[in-house]
Amino acid sequence: MTARATTRPVGTVTRGTTNPNRLRRMDRWIAATHGAELRRAENPVAVDLGYGAAPWTAVELLGRLRTVAPRARVVGVEIEPERVAAARPYERAGLAFRHGGFEIPVPGRPALVRAANVLRQYDEDQVAAVWERLCARLAPAGGGSRGGLLVEGTCDEIGRRHVWVALGPEGPRTVTFATRLGSLERPSDLAERLPKALIHRNVPGEPVHAFLRDFDRAWAAAAPYASYGARQRWIRTVRALRTDWPVTDSPTRWRQGEMTVSWGALAPRTH
């Protein structure tokens, strides 16, 4: 008699905290920067990994992606079976929920994996292995496509401040800082939302610490523009910052309270 093999999800249960609209900044960025890839994808599946105790973020992701990629489908993946059961009544065409973890239990290779507030509870030295595993599940590059996208980061409870890393099949590409500008006193306020790969590296001698220092200095120098509003001050700040740092986006994104820089400029130093 042969014992039936069972596969356990990879990962650990998160706190499950979630709120409607919490990930709107990340979703808006994904739609703007990855929408064309989703439209071209043969299998435009997006995975909301670790959506939490309620399915709001997966429901919202589907709606936002379909504004730029009408064929997009979303699969919410949760390691806690009770959360999957609670989400099932929200299933509809293009939206499904599955029990699983970092192995990503969906057929084929997804065009997008969004993992927000998932790695916060993990140790820093576990992050690289998780990234590698998730990137290996992405749709490959080729034929004019850069391949699938993994977006991994952290935000506050109501989504006012958010920092995420974007990774392709080849590994990390960029880091994006996004905020509600009216709530920002200084750019380094975003430090508490750095992803796990960077949050413990905000110390002297590390690139991310130097970057946030320069971000604050540029923000202070742009104080005269505050009379025109926080948005104009932010735009002026990023213009100054890109003199010394590889900012990869344009004023179109800056106006949204975003700023993206190459991962290599902020990557932790190896010791």
C-alpha atoms as a PDB file:
ATOM      1  CA  MET A   1       0.000   0.000   0.000  1.00  0.00           C
ATOM      2  CA  THR A   2       1.425   3.336  -1.042  1.00  0.00           C
ATOM      3  CA  ALA A   3       1.005   6.322   1.274  1.00  0.00           C
ATOM      4  CA  ARG A   4      -0.577   9.314  -0.394  1.00  0.00           C
ATOM      5  CA  ALA A   5       1.858  12.217  -0.659  1.00  0.00           C
ATOM      6  CA  THR A   6       0.774  15.510   0.812  1.00  0.00           C
ATOM      7  CA  THR A   7       2.209  18.887   0.011  1.00  0.00           C
ATOM      8  CA  ARG A   8       2.294  21.487   2.748  1.00  0.00           C
ATOM      9  CA  PRO A   9       2.290  25.177   1.839  1.00  0.00           C
ATOM     10  CA  VAL A  10       5.664  26.893   2.127  1.00  0.00           C
ATOM     11  CA  GLY A  11       5.755  29.736   4.635  1.00  0.00           C
ATOM     12  CA  THR A  12       4.208  30.732   7.937  1.00  0.00           C
ATOM     13  CA  VAL A  13       0.881  32.298   8.863  1.00  0.00           C
ATOM     14  CA  THR A  14       0.880  36.101   8.909  1.00  0.00           C
ATOM     15  CA  ARG A  15      -1.118  38.352  11.224  1.00  0.00           C
ATOM     16  CA  GLY A  16      -3.650  38.753   8.445  1.00  0.00           C
ATOM     17  CA  THR A  17      -4.271  42.452   9.037  1.00  0.00           C
ATOM     18  CA  THR A  18      -5.931  44.104   6.071  1.00  0.00           C
ATOM     19  CA  ASN A  19      -8.103  47.062   5.167  1.00  0.00           C
ATOM     20  CA  PRO A  20      -9.978  48.143   2.056  1.00  0.00           C
ATOM     21  CA  ASN A  21      -7.889  50.430  -0.178  1.00  0.00           C
ATOM     22  CA  ARG A  22      -4.726  49.682   1.781  1.00  0.00           C
ATOM     23  CA  LEU A  23      -2.730  48.735  -1.321  1.00  0.00           C
ATOM     24  CA  ARG A  24      -4.073  51.383  -3.704  1.00  0.00           C
ATOM     25  CA  ARG A  25      -0.671  53.041  -4.182  1.00  0.00           C
ATOM     26  CA  MET A  26       1.031  49.780  -5.072  1.00  0.00           C
ATOM     27  CA  ASP A  27      -1.851  48.778  -7.376  1.00  0.00           C
ATOM     28  CA  ARG A  28      -1.786  52.127  -9.148  1.00  0.00           C
ATOM     29  CA  TRP A  29       1.944  51.765  -9.773  1.00  0.00           C
ATOM     30  CA  ILE A  30       1.577  48.175 -11.014  1.00  0.00           C
ATOM     31  CA  ALA A  31      -1.172  49.179 -13.440  1.00  0.00           C
ATOM     32  CA  ALA A  32       0.925  52.050 -14.801  1.00  0.00           C
ATOM     33  CA  THR A  33       4.251  50.247 -15.119  1.00  0.00           C
ATOM     34  CA  HIS A  34       3.237  46.625 -15.788  1.00  0.00           C
ATOM     35  CA  GLY A  35      -0.097  47.056 -17.572  1.00  0.00           C
ATOM     36  CA  ALA A  36       1.418  46.657 -21.043  1.00  0.00           C
ATOM     37  CA  GLU A  37       3.061  43.352 -20.040  1.00  0.00           C
ATOM     38  CA  LEU A  38      -0.251  42.105 -18.662  1.00  0.00           C
ATOM     39  CA  ARG A  39      -2.062  43.056 -21.862  1.00  0.00           C
ATOM     40  CA  ARG A  40       0.484  41.159 -23.975  1.00  0.00           C
ATOM     41  CA  ALA A  41       0.711  38.133 -21.683  1.00  0.00           C
ATOM     42  CA  GLU A  42      -0.672  34.851 -22.980  1.00  0.00           C
ATOM     43  CA  ASN A  43      -1.637  33.961 -19.408  1.00  0.00           C
ATOM     44  CA  PRO A  44      -2.343  37.304 -17.604  1.00  0.00           C
ATOM     45  CA  VAL A  45      -2.647  35.837 -14.106  1.00  0.00           C
ATOM     46  CA  ALA A  46      -1.846  37.958 -11.056  1.00  0.00           C
ATOM     47  CA  VAL A  47      -1.352  36.402  -7.623  1.00  0.00           C
ATOM     48  CA  ASP A  48      -2.237  38.270  -4.439  1.00  0.00           C
ATOM     49  CA  LEU A  49       0.025  36.361  -2.080  1.00  0.00           C
ATOM     50  CA  GLY A  50      -0.940  36.471   1.595  1.00  0.00           C
ATOM     51  CA  TYR A  51      -4.043  38.645   1.171  1.00  0.00           C
ATOM     52  CA  GLY A  52      -4.944  38.261   4.836  1.00  0.00           C
ATOM     53  CA  ALA A  53      -8.028  37.716   6.938  1.00  0.00           C
ATOM     54  CA  ALA A  54     -10.352  39.366   4.396  1.00  0.00           C
ATOM     55  CA  PRO A  55     -10.232  39.283   0.587  1.00  0.00           C
ATOM     56  CA  TRP A  56     -10.494  43.033  -0.067  1.00  0.00           C
ATOM     57  CA  THR A  57      -7.043  43.481  -1.590  1.00  0.00           C
ATOM     58  CA  ALA A  58      -7.575  40.681  -4.130  1.00  0.00           C
ATOM     59  CA  VAL A  59     -10.991  42.039  -5.123  1.00  0.00           C
ATOM     60  CA  GLU A  60      -9.527  45.519  -5.568  1.00  0.00           C
ATOM     61  CA  LEU A  61      -6.503  44.252  -7.496  1.00  0.00           C
ATOM     62  CA  LEU A  62      -8.749  42.623 -10.099  1.00  0.00           C
ATOM     63  CA  GLY A  63     -10.709  45.835 -10.623  1.00  0.00           C
ATOM     64  CA  ARG A  64      -7.588  47.967 -10.946  1.00  0.00           C
ATOM     65  CA  LEU A  65      -5.759  45.614 -13.290  1.00  0.00           C
ATOM     66  CA  ARG A  66      -8.732  45.277 -15.591  1.00  0.00           C
ATOM     67  CA  THR A  67      -8.701  49.009 -16.266  1.00  0.00           C
ATOM     68  CA  VAL A  68      -5.410  48.437 -18.142  1.00  0.00           C
ATOM     69  CA  ALA A  69      -5.562  44.695 -18.974  1.00  0.00           C
ATOM     70  CA  PRO A  70      -9.169  43.505 -19.506  1.00  0.00           C
ATOM     71  CA  ARG A  71      -8.160  39.813 -19.645  1.00  0.00           C
ATOM     72  CA  ALA A  72      -6.335  39.907 -16.293  1.00  0.00           C
ATOM     73  CA  ARG A  73      -7.269  37.311 -13.697  1.00  0.00           C
ATOM     74  CA  VAL A  74      -6.427  37.327  -9.992  1.00  0.00           C
ATOM     75  CA  VAL A  75      -5.798  34.389  -7.673  1.00  0.00           C
ATOM     76  CA  GLY A  76      -5.639  35.134  -3.966  1.00  0.00           C
ATOM     77  CA  VAL A  77      -3.302  32.728  -2.156  1.00  0.00           C
ATOM     78  CA  GLU A  78      -3.380  32.269   1.619  1.00  0.00           C
ATOM     79  CA  ILE A  79      -1.583  29.814   3.882  1.00  0.00           C
ATOM     80  CA  GLU A  80      -4.397  29.819   6.461  1.00  0.00           C
ATOM     81  CA  PRO A  81      -7.249  27.497   5.277  1.00  0.00           C
ATOM     82  CA  GLU A  82      -9.919  29.376   7.241  1.00  0.00           C
ATOM     83  CA  ARG A  83      -9.079  32.586   5.372  1.00  0.00           C
ATOM     84  CA  VAL A  84      -9.473  30.811   2.038  1.00  0.00           C
ATOM     85  CA  ALA A  85     -12.853  29.440   3.083  1.00  0.00           C
ATOM     86  CA  ALA A  86     -13.983  32.909   4.160  1.00  0.00           C
ATOM     87  CA  ALA A  87     -12.926  34.367   0.801  1.00  0.00           C
ATOM     88  CA  ARG A  88     -14.582  31.767  -1.432  1.00  0.00           C
ATOM     89  CA  PRO A  89     -18.015  33.513  -1.474  1.00  0.00           C
ATOM     90  CA  TYR A  90     -16.304  36.449  -3.235  1.00  0.00           C
ATOM     91  CA  GLU A  91     -15.145  34.322  -6.165  1.00  0.00           C
ATOM     92  CA  ARG A  92     -16.405  35.305  -9.591  1.00  0.00           C
ATOM     93  CA  ALA A  93     -15.210  35.249 -13.175  1.00  0.00           C
ATOM     94  CA  GLY A  94     -11.548  36.190 -13.072  1.00  0.00           C
ATOM     95  CA  LEU A  95     -11.186  35.925  -9.283  1.00  0.00           C
ATOM     96  CA  ALA A  96     -10.349  32.761  -7.329  1.00  0.00           C
ATOM     97  CA  PHE A  97      -8.825  31.873  -3.962  1.00  0.00           C
ATOM     98  CA  ARG A  98      -6.394  29.042  -3.218  1.00  0.00           C
ATOM     99  CA  HIS A  99      -4.706  27.526  -0.174  1.00  0.00           C
ATOM    100  CA  GLY A 100      -0.948  27.808  -0.429  1.00  0.00           C
ATOM    101  CA  GLY A 101       2.222  29.753   0.205  1.00  0.00           C
ATOM    102  CA  PHE A 102       5.484  30.631  -1.510  1.00  0.00           C
ATOM    103  CA  GLU A 103       5.177  27.662  -3.851  1.00  0.00           C
ATOM    104  CA  ILE A 104       2.349  29.634  -5.615  1.00  0.00           C
ATOM    105  CA  PRO A 105      -0.228  26.889  -6.295  1.00  0.00           C
ATOM    106  CA  VAL A 106      -1.499  28.108  -9.662  1.00  0.00           C
ATOM    107  CA  PRO A 107      -1.056  26.509 -13.087  1.00  0.00           C
ATOM    108  CA  GLY A 108       1.610  27.941 -15.331  1.00  0.00           C
ATOM    109  CA  ARG A 109       3.794  30.952 -14.598  1.00  0.00           C
ATOM    110  CA  PRO A 110       1.993  34.085 -13.334  1.00  0.00           C
ATOM    111  CA  ALA A 111       2.552  37.477 -14.946  1.00  0.00           C
ATOM    112  CA  LEU A 112       2.440  39.179 -11.543  1.00  0.00           C
ATOM    113  CA  VAL A 113       2.929  38.234  -7.901  1.00  0.00           C
ATOM    114  CA  ARG A 114       2.089  40.884  -5.321  1.00  0.00           C
ATOM    115  CA  ALA A 115       3.322  40.136  -1.792  1.00  0.00           C
ATOM    116  CA  ALA A 116       2.465  43.082   0.454  1.00  0.00           C
ATOM    117  CA  ASN A 117       3.216  42.985   4.187  1.00  0.00           C
ATOM    118  CA  VAL A 118       4.086  39.285   3.955  1.00  0.00           C
ATOM    119  CA  LEU A 119       7.830  39.209   4.713  1.00  0.00           C
ATOM    120  CA  ARG A 120       7.642  41.702   7.573  1.00  0.00           C
ATOM    121  CA  GLN A 121       7.613  38.883  10.144  1.00  0.00           C
ATOM    122  CA  TYR A 122      10.514  36.964   8.562  1.00  0.00           C
ATOM    123  CA  ASP A 123      14.197  37.320   9.391  1.00  0.00           C
ATOM    124  CA  GLU A 124      16.279  39.413   7.019  1.00  0.00           C
ATOM    125  CA  ASP A 125      18.452  36.444   6.098  1.00  0.00           C
ATOM    126  CA  GLN A 126      15.363  34.584   4.827  1.00  0.00           C
ATOM    127  CA  VAL A 127      14.394  37.211   2.283  1.00  0.00           C
ATOM    128  CA  ALA A 128      16.814  36.299  -0.520  1.00  0.00           C
ATOM    129  CA  ALA A 129      15.633  32.672  -0.607  1.00  0.00           C
ATOM    130  CA  VAL A 130      11.972  33.736  -0.698  1.00  0.00           C
ATOM    131  CA  TRP A 131      12.659  36.211  -3.496  1.00  0.00           C
ATOM    132  CA  GLU A 132      14.514  33.564  -5.475  1.00  0.00           C
ATOM    133  CA  ARG A 133      11.695  31.072  -5.060  1.00  0.00           C
ATOM    134  CA  LEU A 134       9.006  33.567  -6.094  1.00  0.00           C
ATOM    135  CA  CYS A 135      11.001  34.930  -9.037  1.00  0.00           C
ATOM    136  CA  ALA A 136      11.458  31.384 -10.321  1.00  0.00           C
ATOM    137  CA  ARG A 137       7.660  31.103 -10.579  1.00  0.00           C
ATOM    138  CA  LEU A 138       7.269  34.237 -12.719  1.00  0.00           C
ATOM    139  CA  ALA A 139       6.580  34.151 -16.441  1.00  0.00           C
ATOM    140  CA  PRO A 140       9.978  34.137 -18.188  1.00  0.00           C
ATOM    141  CA  ALA A 141      11.385  36.945 -20.284  1.00  0.00           C
ATOM    142  CA  GLY A 142      11.552  36.568 -24.038  1.00  0.00           C
ATOM    143  CA  GLY A 143       9.945  37.626 -27.273  1.00  0.00           C
ATOM    144  CA  GLY A 144      10.080  41.297 -26.356  1.00  0.00           C
ATOM    145  CA  SER A 145       8.735  40.728 -22.834  1.00  0.00           C
ATOM    146  CA  ARG A 146      10.696  41.405 -19.650  1.00  0.00           C
ATOM    147  CA  GLY A 147       8.749  38.577 -18.019  1.00  0.00           C
ATOM    148  CA  GLY A 148       6.605  38.518 -14.919  1.00  0.00           C
ATOM    149  CA  LEU A 149       6.879  40.912 -11.999  1.00  0.00           C
ATOM    150  CA  LEU A 150       7.160  40.329  -8.260  1.00  0.00           C
ATOM    151  CA  VAL A 151       6.237  43.339  -6.120  1.00  0.00           C
ATOM    152  CA  GLU A 152       7.166  42.910  -2.452  1.00  0.00           C
ATOM    153  CA  GLY A 153       6.906  45.602   0.190  1.00  0.00           C
ATOM    154  CA  THR A 154       5.349  47.073   3.289  1.00  0.00           C
ATOM    155  CA  CYS A 155       2.801  49.781   4.013  1.00  0.00           C
ATOM    156  CA  ASP A 156       1.024  51.301   6.985  1.00  0.00           C
ATOM    157  CA  GLU A 157      -2.442  50.192   8.060  1.00  0.00           C
ATOM    158  CA  ILE A 158      -4.345  52.592   5.787  1.00  0.00           C
ATOM    159  CA  GLY A 159      -1.891  52.771   2.903  1.00  0.00           C
ATOM    160  CA  ARG A 160      -0.583  56.321   3.325  1.00  0.00           C
ATOM    161  CA  ARG A 161       3.070  55.241   3.234  1.00  0.00           C
ATOM    162  CA  HIS A 162       4.445  52.369   1.229  1.00  0.00           C
ATOM    163  CA  VAL A 163       7.857  51.144   0.045  1.00  0.00           C
ATOM    164  CA  TRP A 164       8.275  48.173  -2.278  1.00  0.00           C
ATOM    165  CA  VAL A 165      10.860  46.309  -4.319  1.00  0.00           C
ATOM    166  CA  ALA A 166      10.052  45.258  -7.888  1.00  0.00           C
ATOM    167  CA  LEU A 167      11.729  42.083  -9.130  1.00  0.00           C
ATOM    168  CA  GLY A 168      11.748  40.292 -12.461  1.00  0.00           C
ATOM    169  CA  PRO A 169      12.741  36.708 -13.280  1.00  0.00           C
ATOM    170  CA  GLU A 170      16.357  37.879 -13.090  1.00  0.00           C
ATOM    171  CA  GLY A 171      16.021  39.373  -9.590  1.00  0.00           C
ATOM    172  CA  PRO A 172      15.497  42.797  -7.999  1.00  0.00           C
ATOM    173  CA  ARG A 173      15.144  45.828 -10.262  1.00  0.00           C
ATOM    174  CA  THR A 174      13.921  48.893  -8.399  1.00  0.00           C
ATOM    175  CA  VAL A 175      12.716  50.318  -5.082  1.00  0.00           C
ATOM    176  CA  THR A 176       9.672  52.618  -5.018  1.00  0.00           C
ATOM    177  CA  PHE A 177       8.756  55.075  -2.268  1.00  0.00           C
ATOM    178  CA  ALA A 178       5.106  56.164  -2.288  1.00  0.00           C
ATOM    179  CA  THR A 179       3.207  58.406   0.104  1.00  0.00           C
ATOM    180  CA  ARG A 180       0.231  60.637   0.646  1.00  0.00           C
ATOM    181  CA  LEU A 181       2.140  63.875   0.358  1.00  0.00           C
ATOM    182  CA  GLY A 182      -0.102  65.859   2.683  1.00  0.00           C
ATOM    183  CA  SER A 183       0.809  63.540   5.554  1.00  0.00           C
ATOM    184  CA  LEU A 184       4.583  63.684   5.052  1.00  0.00           C
ATOM    185  CA  GLU A 185       6.820  65.716   7.346  1.00  0.00           C
ATOM    186  CA  ARG A 186      10.065  64.494   5.765  1.00  0.00           C
ATOM    187  CA  PRO A 187      10.927  61.674   3.302  1.00  0.00           C
ATOM    188  CA  SER A 188      12.766  59.644   5.960  1.00  0.00           C
ATOM    189  CA  ASP A 189       9.359  59.106   7.624  1.00  0.00           C
ATOM    190  CA  LEU A 190       9.072  56.323   5.042  1.00  0.00           C
ATOM    191  CA  ALA A 191      11.954  54.454   6.680  1.00  0.00           C
ATOM    192  CA  GLU A 192       9.592  52.608   9.009  1.00  0.00           C
ATOM    193  CA  ARG A 193       7.932  51.064   5.932  1.00  0.00           C
ATOM    194  CA  LEU A 194      11.094  49.823   4.254  1.00  0.00           C
ATOM    195  CA  PRO A 195      10.811  46.191   3.092  1.00  0.00           C
ATOM    196  CA  LYS A 196      12.466  43.555   5.248  1.00  0.00           C
ATOM    197  CA  ALA A 197      15.490  43.437   2.930  1.00  0.00           C
ATOM    198  CA  LEU A 198      16.273  47.077   3.757  1.00  0.00           C
ATOM    199  CA  ILE A 199      14.679  48.053   7.052  1.00  0.00           C
ATOM    200  CA  HIS A 200      17.546  46.822   9.238  1.00  0.00           C
ATOM    201  CA  ARG A 201      20.071  48.453   6.886  1.00  0.00           C
ATOM    202  CA  ASN A 202      19.001  52.012   7.628  1.00  0.00           C
ATOM    203  CA  VAL A 203      22.213  52.624   9.571  1.00  0.00           C
ATOM    204  CA  PRO A 204      25.365  54.641   8.811  1.00  0.00           C
ATOM    205  CA  GLY A 205      27.516  52.989   6.175  1.00  0.00           C
ATOM    206  CA  GLU A 206      24.617  51.457   4.280  1.00  0.00           C
ATOM    207  CA  PRO A 207      23.378  52.889   0.951  1.00  0.00           C
ATOM    208  CA  VAL A 208      19.732  53.162   2.000  1.00  0.00           C
ATOM    209  CA  HIS A 209      20.746  55.279   4.996  1.00  0.00           C
ATOM    210  CA  ALA A 210      22.733  57.643   2.765  1.00  0.00           C
ATOM    211  CA  PHE A 211      19.850  57.814   0.317  1.00  0.00           C
ATOM    212  CA  LEU A 212      17.296  58.775   2.971  1.00  0.00           C
ATOM    213  CA  ARG A 213      19.727  61.348   4.364  1.00  0.00           C
ATOM    214  CA  ASP A 214      20.059  62.944   0.923  1.00  0.00           C
ATOM    215  CA  PHE A 215      16.294  62.701   0.395  1.00  0.00           C
ATOM    216  CA  ASP A 216      15.703  64.695   3.593  1.00  0.00           C
ATOM    217  CA  ARG A 217      18.328  67.284   2.609  1.00  0.00           C
ATOM    218  CA  ALA A 218      16.749  67.779  -0.802  1.00  0.00           C
ATOM    219  CA  TRP A 219      13.317  68.067   0.836  1.00  0.00           C
ATOM    220  CA  ALA A 220      14.623  70.742   3.203  1.00  0.00           C
ATOM    221  CA  ALA A 221      16.214  72.653   0.332  1.00  0.00           C
ATOM    222  CA  ALA A 222      12.891  72.544  -1.541  1.00  0.00           C
ATOM    223  CA  ALA A 223      11.011  74.136   1.387  1.00  0.00           C
ATOM    224  CA  PRO A 224      10.289  77.356  -0.568  1.00  0.00           C
ATOM    225  CA  TYR A 225       8.175  75.287  -2.984  1.00  0.00           C
ATOM    226  CA  ALA A 226       5.845  74.273  -0.141  1.00  0.00           C
ATOM    227  CA  SER A 227       3.895  77.475  -0.764  1.00  0.00           C
ATOM    228  CA  TYR A 228       2.818  75.884  -4.068  1.00  0.00           C
ATOM    229  CA  GLY A 229       1.776  72.685  -2.323  1.00  0.00           C
ATOM    230  CA  ALA A 230       3.367  69.456  -1.137  1.00  0.00           C
ATOM    231  CA  ARG A 231       3.292  67.991  -4.656  1.00  0.00           C
ATOM    232  CA  GLN A 232       5.456  70.760  -6.108  1.00  0.00           C
ATOM    233  CA  ARG A 233       7.870  70.435  -3.214  1.00  0.00           C
ATOM    234  CA  TRP A 234       8.114  66.658  -3.790  1.00  0.00           C
ATOM    235  CA  ILE A 235       8.731  67.114  -7.523  1.00  0.00           C
ATOM    236  CA  ARG A 236      11.468  69.658  -6.871  1.00  0.00           C
ATOM    237  CA  THR A 237      13.002  67.330  -4.273  1.00  0.00           C
ATOM    238  CA  VAL A 238      13.164  64.362  -6.643  1.00  0.00           C
ATOM    239  CA  ARG A 239      14.619  66.504  -9.424  1.00  0.00           C
ATOM    240  CA  ALA A 240      17.449  67.464  -7.079  1.00  0.00           C
ATOM    241  CA  LEU A 241      17.872  63.916  -5.778  1.00  0.00           C
ATOM    242  CA  ARG A 242      18.386  62.406  -9.217  1.00  0.00           C
ATOM    243  CA  THR A 243      21.576  64.423  -9.637  1.00  0.00           C
ATOM    244  CA  ASP A 244      23.317  61.883  -7.379  1.00  0.00           C
ATOM    245  CA  TRP A 245      20.962  58.890  -7.360  1.00  0.00           C
ATOM    246  CA  PRO A 246      19.644  56.737 -10.256  1.00  0.00           C
ATOM    247  CA  VAL A 247      15.977  57.746 -10.175  1.00  0.00           C
ATOM    248  CA  THR A 248      14.277  55.709 -12.896  1.00  0.00           C
ATOM    249  CA  ASP A 249      10.832  57.274 -13.259  1.00  0.00           C
ATOM    250  CA  SER A 250       9.479  60.610 -14.502  1.00  0.00           C
ATOM    251  CA  PRO A 251       7.405  63.553 -13.221  1.00  0.00           C
ATOM    252  CA  THR A 252       4.260  61.676 -14.246  1.00  0.00           C
ATOM    253  CA  ARG A 253       4.894  59.294 -11.351  1.00  0.00           C
ATOM    254  CA  TRP A 254       6.336  61.936  -9.022  1.00  0.00           C
ATOM    255  CA  ARG A 255       3.047  63.814  -9.211  1.00  0.00           C
ATOM    256  CA  GLN A 256       1.427  60.725  -7.664  1.00  0.00           C
ATOM    257  CA  GLY A 257       3.703  60.988  -4.617  1.00  0.00           C
ATOM    258  CA  GLU A 258       6.035  58.283  -5.911  1.00  0.00           C
ATOM    259  CA  MET A 259       9.753  58.009  -6.606  1.00  0.00           C
ATOM    260  CA  THR A 260      11.580  54.950  -7.940  1.00  0.00           C
ATOM    261  CA  VAL A 261      15.319  54.269  -7.770  1.00  0.00           C
ATOM    262  CA  SER A 262      17.445  51.408  -9.086  1.00  0.00           C
ATOM    263  CA  TRP A 263      17.816  48.525  -6.642  1.00  0.00           C
ATOM    264  CA  GLY A 264      21.581  48.403  -7.122  1.00  0.00           C
ATOM    265  CA  ALA A 265      21.952  51.861  -5.589  1.00  0.00           C
ATOM    266  CA  LEU A 266      20.230  50.828  -2.352  1.00  0.00           C
ATOM    267  CA  ALA A 267      21.161  47.153  -2.109  1.00  0.00           C
ATOM    268  CA  PRO A 268      22.676  46.186   1.268  1.00  0.00           C
ATOM    269  CA  ARG A 269      26.437  46.027   1.477  1.00  0.00           C
ATOM    270  CA  THR A 270      27.854  42.533   1.810  1.00  0.00           C
ATOM    271  CA  HIS A 271      30.096  41.998   4.795  1.00  0.00           C
END
